[in-house]
Amino acid sequence: MIPIIAKLFRSTAPSDVVDALVRQVADLSLEGVVERVAARIDQMTLSEARGYVRARAAHVVRRQTRQVISQHQEATEDWSGAIVPAATERLVPLVLRQTGVGVPRRNLMRNAA
């Protein structure tokens, strides 16, 4: 019983460190996810685009999380359970903003006088 409790305390990550790793993973994943979704996302509604970005970001975010955890001395693989979903949720609005989804487009045609 004691080893189980000790393992729980070891696997609990400090929230400030996890927050920093979440930001780092989201930033590192941004370009790769934008490349994956840019071609198809233009014709989607905002809700569709959010779901599409989440789905297409999964592989990129997991890969970046493994890389960031391996470079961080005190981080363990157990932390990925907290980092991956938080980084994905942080990444979705960044991708949508960069691709221009949900941004009103100005009508380029002039109205007749």
N, C-alpha and C. Protein backbone atom coordinates (compact mmCIF):
# COMPACT_ATOMS: atom_id res chain seq x y z
N MET A 1 0.82 -1.19 0.00
CA MET A 1 0.00 0.00 0.00
C MET A 1 0.86 1.26 0.00
N ILE A 2 1.91 1.26 0.76
CA ILE A 2 2.80 2.42 0.84
C ILE A 2 3.44 2.72 -0.53
N PRO A 3 3.91 1.70 -1.28
CA PRO A 3 4.47 2.01 -2.60
C PRO A 3 3.47 2.66 -3.55
N ILE A 4 2.21 2.27 -3.44
CA ILE A 4 1.18 2.86 -4.30
C ILE A 4 1.00 4.33 -3.98
N ILE A 5 0.95 4.65 -2.69
CA ILE A 5 0.80 6.05 -2.27
C ILE A 5 2.03 6.85 -2.67
N ALA A 6 3.20 6.27 -2.50
CA ALA A 6 4.43 6.96 -2.89
C ALA A 6 4.45 7.23 -4.40
N LYS A 7 3.96 6.27 -5.17
CA LYS A 7 3.92 6.46 -6.63
C LYS A 7 2.97 7.60 -7.00
N LEU A 8 1.85 7.71 -6.32
CA LEU A 8 0.91 8.79 -6.58
C LEU A 8 1.55 10.15 -6.33
N PHE A 9 2.30 10.26 -5.26
CA PHE A 9 2.95 11.53 -4.96
C PHE A 9 4.05 11.85 -5.96
N ARG A 10 4.77 10.83 -6.43
CA ARG A 10 5.83 11.07 -7.42
C ARG A 10 5.26 11.46 -8.77
N SER A 11 4.10 10.92 -9.12
CA SER A 11 3.53 11.19 -10.45
C SER A 11 2.76 12.51 -10.50
N THR A 12 2.53 13.13 -9.35
CA THR A 12 1.83 14.41 -9.33
C THR A 12 2.80 15.50 -9.74
N ALA A 13 2.48 16.16 -10.80
CA ALA A 13 3.37 17.18 -11.35
C ALA A 13 3.02 18.54 -10.76
N PRO A 14 4.03 19.36 -10.51
CA PRO A 14 3.75 20.74 -10.08
C PRO A 14 3.01 21.48 -11.19
N SER A 15 1.93 22.16 -10.84
CA SER A 15 1.07 22.76 -11.86
C SER A 15 1.78 23.84 -12.66
N ASP A 16 2.70 24.59 -12.04
CA ASP A 16 3.40 25.62 -12.81
C ASP A 16 4.32 25.01 -13.86
N VAL A 17 4.92 23.87 -13.55
CA VAL A 17 5.78 23.19 -14.52
C VAL A 17 4.92 22.61 -15.65
N VAL A 18 3.80 22.00 -15.29
CA VAL A 18 2.91 21.43 -16.31
C VAL A 18 2.39 22.54 -17.22
N ASP A 19 1.99 23.67 -16.65
CA ASP A 19 1.51 24.80 -17.46
C ASP A 19 2.57 25.26 -18.45
N ALA A 20 3.81 25.33 -18.00
CA ALA A 20 4.90 25.73 -18.90
C ALA A 20 5.09 24.70 -20.01
N LEU A 21 5.01 23.42 -19.66
CA LEU A 21 5.17 22.37 -20.66
C LEU A 21 4.00 22.37 -21.64
N VAL A 22 2.80 22.65 -21.16
CA VAL A 22 1.62 22.73 -22.03
C VAL A 22 1.81 23.84 -23.06
N ARG A 23 2.26 25.00 -22.60
CA ARG A 23 2.50 26.11 -23.53
C ARG A 23 3.58 25.75 -24.55
N GLN A 24 4.63 25.10 -24.07
CA GLN A 24 5.72 24.71 -24.97
C GLN A 24 5.25 23.71 -26.01
N VAL A 25 4.49 22.71 -25.60
CA VAL A 25 3.97 21.70 -26.53
C VAL A 25 3.05 22.35 -27.56
N ALA A 26 2.16 23.23 -27.10
CA ALA A 26 1.23 23.89 -28.02
C ALA A 26 2.00 24.73 -29.04
N ASP A 27 3.00 25.48 -28.58
CA ASP A 27 3.78 26.30 -29.50
C ASP A 27 4.55 25.45 -30.51
N LEU A 28 5.13 24.36 -30.05
CA LEU A 28 5.89 23.49 -30.95
C LEU A 28 4.98 22.75 -31.94
N SER A 29 3.74 22.53 -31.56
CA SER A 29 2.81 21.78 -32.41
C SER A 29 2.10 22.66 -33.44
N LEU A 30 2.08 23.96 -33.23
CA LEU A 30 1.27 24.86 -34.04
C LEU A 30 1.54 24.73 -35.54
N GLU A 31 2.77 24.83 -35.94
CA GLU A 31 3.10 24.80 -37.37
C GLU A 31 2.70 23.47 -38.02
N GLY A 32 2.99 22.37 -37.35
CA GLY A 32 2.65 21.06 -37.90
C GLY A 32 1.16 20.84 -38.05
N VAL A 33 0.40 21.33 -37.09
CA VAL A 33 -1.06 21.18 -37.16
C VAL A 33 -1.64 22.08 -38.23
N VAL A 34 -1.14 23.30 -38.34
CA VAL A 34 -1.62 24.21 -39.39
C VAL A 34 -1.38 23.60 -40.77
N GLU A 35 -0.22 23.00 -40.97
CA GLU A 35 0.07 22.34 -42.25
C GLU A 35 -0.91 21.21 -42.53
N ARG A 36 -1.30 20.48 -41.49
CA ARG A 36 -2.22 19.36 -41.67
C ARG A 36 -3.64 19.80 -42.00
N VAL A 37 -4.08 20.94 -41.47
CA VAL A 37 -5.49 21.30 -41.60
C VAL A 37 -5.77 22.43 -42.59
N ALA A 38 -4.77 23.18 -42.98
CA ALA A 38 -4.99 24.40 -43.76
C ALA A 38 -5.75 24.17 -45.05
N ALA A 39 -5.50 23.09 -45.74
CA ALA A 39 -6.11 22.86 -47.05
C ALA A 39 -7.62 22.61 -46.97
N ARG A 40 -8.10 22.05 -45.87
CA ARG A 40 -9.51 21.64 -45.83
C ARG A 40 -10.36 22.49 -44.91
N ILE A 41 -9.75 23.27 -44.06
CA ILE A 41 -10.48 23.93 -42.98
C ILE A 41 -11.26 25.17 -43.44
N ASP A 42 -10.89 25.73 -44.57
CA ASP A 42 -11.53 26.96 -45.05
C ASP A 42 -13.04 26.83 -45.25
N GLN A 43 -13.49 25.70 -45.70
CA GLN A 43 -14.90 25.53 -46.03
C GLN A 43 -15.75 25.03 -44.86
N MET A 44 -15.16 24.93 -43.67
CA MET A 44 -15.87 24.38 -42.52
C MET A 44 -16.47 25.48 -41.66
N THR A 45 -17.53 25.10 -40.94
CA THR A 45 -18.06 26.02 -39.93
C THR A 45 -17.08 26.03 -38.76
N LEU A 46 -17.27 26.96 -37.85
CA LEU A 46 -16.37 27.07 -36.71
C LEU A 46 -16.40 25.80 -35.86
N SER A 47 -17.57 25.25 -35.63
CA SER A 47 -17.69 24.03 -34.82
C SER A 47 -17.02 22.84 -35.50
N GLU A 48 -17.25 22.70 -36.80
CA GLU A 48 -16.60 21.62 -37.55
C GLU A 48 -15.08 21.78 -37.50
N ALA A 49 -14.62 23.00 -37.68
CA ALA A 49 -13.18 23.26 -37.70
C ALA A 49 -12.54 22.92 -36.35
N ARG A 50 -13.21 23.26 -35.26
CA ARG A 50 -12.67 22.92 -33.94
C ARG A 50 -12.46 21.42 -33.79
N GLY A 51 -13.47 20.65 -34.14
CA GLY A 51 -13.36 19.20 -34.04
C GLY A 51 -12.31 18.64 -34.97
N TYR A 52 -12.24 19.18 -36.17
CA TYR A 52 -11.25 18.72 -37.15
C TYR A 52 -9.84 19.00 -36.66
N VAL A 53 -9.63 20.18 -36.11
CA VAL A 53 -8.30 20.53 -35.59
C VAL A 53 -7.94 19.61 -34.43
N ARG A 54 -8.86 19.36 -33.51
CA ARG A 54 -8.58 18.46 -32.39
C ARG A 54 -8.16 17.08 -32.90
N ALA A 55 -8.89 16.56 -33.86
CA ALA A 55 -8.60 15.22 -34.38
C ALA A 55 -7.26 15.17 -35.09
N ARG A 56 -7.00 16.16 -35.93
CA ARG A 56 -5.75 16.16 -36.69
C ARG A 56 -4.54 16.53 -35.83
N ALA A 57 -4.77 17.20 -34.70
CA ALA A 57 -3.68 17.62 -33.82
C ALA A 57 -3.20 16.50 -32.91
N ALA A 58 -4.00 15.47 -32.73
CA ALA A 58 -3.70 14.44 -31.73
C ALA A 58 -2.31 13.84 -31.89
N HIS A 59 -1.98 13.41 -33.08
CA HIS A 59 -0.68 12.77 -33.31
C HIS A 59 0.47 13.76 -33.08
N VAL A 60 0.33 14.96 -33.59
CA VAL A 60 1.39 15.97 -33.46
C VAL A 60 1.60 16.32 -32.00
N VAL A 61 0.53 16.52 -31.27
CA VAL A 61 0.64 16.90 -29.85
C VAL A 61 1.26 15.78 -29.03
N ARG A 62 0.87 14.53 -29.28
CA ARG A 62 1.47 13.42 -28.54
C ARG A 62 2.97 13.31 -28.82
N ARG A 63 3.35 13.48 -30.09
CA ARG A 63 4.77 13.40 -30.44
C ARG A 63 5.56 14.52 -29.77
N GLN A 64 5.04 15.74 -29.82
CA GLN A 64 5.73 16.87 -29.20
C GLN A 64 5.78 16.71 -27.68
N THR A 65 4.73 16.14 -27.09
CA THR A 65 4.72 15.92 -25.64
C THR A 65 5.83 14.95 -25.24
N ARG A 66 5.96 13.85 -25.99
CA ARG A 66 7.04 12.90 -25.69
C ARG A 66 8.40 13.57 -25.79
N GLN A 67 8.57 14.39 -26.79
CA GLN A 67 9.85 15.07 -26.99
C GLN A 67 10.13 16.05 -25.84
N VAL A 68 9.15 16.84 -25.46
CA VAL A 68 9.33 17.82 -24.39
C VAL A 68 9.59 17.13 -23.06
N ILE A 69 8.85 16.06 -22.78
CA ILE A 69 9.05 15.32 -21.52
C ILE A 69 10.46 14.72 -21.47
N SER A 70 10.93 14.22 -22.59
CA SER A 70 12.28 13.62 -22.60
C SER A 70 13.37 14.67 -22.36
N GLN A 71 13.09 15.92 -22.68
CA GLN A 71 14.09 16.98 -22.50
C GLN A 71 14.00 17.63 -21.13
N HIS A 72 12.94 17.36 -20.40
CA HIS A 72 12.74 17.99 -19.09
C HIS A 72 13.15 16.99 -18.00
N GLN A 73 14.07 17.37 -17.15
CA GLN A 73 14.66 16.43 -16.20
C GLN A 73 13.67 15.85 -15.21
N GLU A 74 12.82 16.66 -14.64
CA GLU A 74 11.94 16.14 -13.59
C GLU A 74 10.62 15.58 -14.12
N ALA A 75 10.35 15.75 -15.39
CA ALA A 75 9.09 15.27 -15.97
C ALA A 75 9.15 13.75 -16.18
N THR A 76 8.00 13.13 -16.01
CA THR A 76 7.88 11.70 -16.28
C THR A 76 6.80 11.48 -17.33
N GLU A 77 6.78 10.29 -17.89
CA GLU A 77 5.80 9.95 -18.92
C GLU A 77 4.37 10.03 -18.38
N ASP A 78 4.21 9.88 -17.07
CA ASP A 78 2.88 9.99 -16.45
C ASP A 78 2.26 11.37 -16.66
N TRP A 79 3.08 12.37 -16.82
CA TRP A 79 2.60 13.74 -16.98
C TRP A 79 1.88 13.94 -18.30
N SER A 80 2.13 13.07 -19.27
CA SER A 80 1.52 13.26 -20.59
C SER A 80 0.00 13.21 -20.52
N GLY A 81 -0.55 12.51 -19.55
CA GLY A 81 -1.99 12.46 -19.38
C GLY A 81 -2.59 13.82 -19.06
N ALA A 82 -1.83 14.69 -18.45
CA ALA A 82 -2.29 16.05 -18.17
C ALA A 82 -1.89 17.02 -19.27
N ILE A 83 -0.74 16.78 -19.88
CA ILE A 83 -0.20 17.73 -20.86
C ILE A 83 -0.94 17.65 -22.19
N VAL A 84 -1.17 16.45 -22.69
CA VAL A 84 -1.76 16.28 -24.03
C VAL A 84 -3.12 16.95 -24.17
N PRO A 85 -4.09 16.68 -23.28
CA PRO A 85 -5.40 17.35 -23.47
C PRO A 85 -5.33 18.86 -23.29
N ALA A 86 -4.52 19.31 -22.33
CA ALA A 86 -4.43 20.75 -22.10
C ALA A 86 -3.74 21.45 -23.27
N ALA A 87 -2.70 20.84 -23.82
CA ALA A 87 -2.01 21.43 -24.97
C ALA A 87 -2.91 21.44 -26.20
N THR A 88 -3.71 20.40 -26.38
CA THR A 88 -4.63 20.35 -27.51
C THR A 88 -5.67 21.46 -27.40
N GLU A 89 -6.23 21.64 -26.22
CA GLU A 89 -7.23 22.70 -26.04
C GLU A 89 -6.62 24.09 -26.20
N ARG A 90 -5.37 24.25 -25.80
CA ARG A 90 -4.69 25.53 -26.00
C ARG A 90 -4.38 25.75 -27.48
N LEU A 91 -4.12 24.69 -28.19
CA LEU A 91 -3.72 24.76 -29.59
C LEU A 91 -4.87 25.09 -30.53
N VAL A 92 -6.06 24.60 -30.23
CA VAL A 92 -7.20 24.77 -31.14
C VAL A 92 -7.45 26.24 -31.50
N PRO A 93 -7.59 27.16 -30.53
CA PRO A 93 -7.82 28.55 -30.93
C PRO A 93 -6.63 29.18 -31.65
N LEU A 94 -5.43 28.73 -31.33
CA LEU A 94 -4.25 29.25 -32.03
C LEU A 94 -4.29 28.88 -33.51
N VAL A 95 -4.65 27.64 -33.80
CA VAL A 95 -4.73 27.18 -35.19
C VAL A 95 -5.86 27.90 -35.91
N LEU A 96 -7.01 28.01 -35.27
CA LEU A 96 -8.15 28.68 -35.90
C LEU A 96 -7.83 30.14 -36.20
N ARG A 97 -7.16 30.79 -35.28
CA ARG A 97 -6.78 32.19 -35.50
C ARG A 97 -5.79 32.31 -36.65
N GLN A 98 -4.80 31.42 -36.68
CA GLN A 98 -3.79 31.50 -37.73
C GLN A 98 -4.36 31.18 -39.10
N THR A 99 -5.33 30.29 -39.17
CA THR A 99 -5.92 29.94 -40.47
C THR A 99 -7.07 30.86 -40.84
N GLY A 100 -7.51 31.70 -39.92
CA GLY A 100 -8.56 32.66 -40.22
C GLY A 100 -9.97 32.12 -40.13
N VAL A 101 -10.15 30.95 -39.54
CA VAL A 101 -11.48 30.37 -39.40
C VAL A 101 -12.21 31.11 -38.28
N GLY A 102 -13.46 31.47 -38.54
CA GLY A 102 -14.26 32.16 -37.55
C GLY A 102 -14.08 33.66 -37.55
N VAL A 103 -13.20 34.14 -38.43
CA VAL A 103 -12.97 35.58 -38.55
C VAL A 103 -13.87 36.10 -39.66
N PRO A 104 -14.69 37.09 -39.37
CA PRO A 104 -15.57 37.60 -40.42
C PRO A 104 -14.76 38.13 -41.60
N ARG A 105 -15.18 37.79 -42.78
CA ARG A 105 -14.49 38.25 -43.99
C ARG A 105 -15.22 39.44 -44.55
N ARG A 106 -14.47 40.42 -44.92
CA ARG A 106 -15.07 41.63 -45.49
C ARG A 106 -15.54 41.36 -46.91
N ASN A 107 -16.65 41.92 -47.24
CA ASN A 107 -17.19 41.78 -48.58
C ASN A 107 -16.37 42.70 -49.50
N LEU A 108 -15.70 42.13 -50.46
CA LEU A 108 -14.83 42.90 -51.34
C LEU A 108 -15.59 43.59 -52.46
N MET A 109 -16.82 43.17 -52.70
CA MET A 109 -17.60 43.79 -53.77
C MET A 109 -18.26 45.06 -53.23
N ARG A 110 -18.21 46.08 -54.01
CA ARG A 110 -18.83 47.34 -53.61
C ARG A 110 -20.30 47.33 -53.99
N ASN A 111 -21.08 47.92 -53.16
CA ASN A 111 -22.51 48.04 -53.45
C ASN A 111 -22.72 49.14 -54.50
N ALA A 112 -23.70 48.93 -55.36
CA ALA A 112 -24.03 49.95 -56.37
C ALA A 112 -24.65 51.16 -55.69
N ALA A 113 -24.35 52.32 -56.22
CA ALA A 113 -24.86 53.54 -55.62
C ALA A 113 -26.28 53.81 -55.97
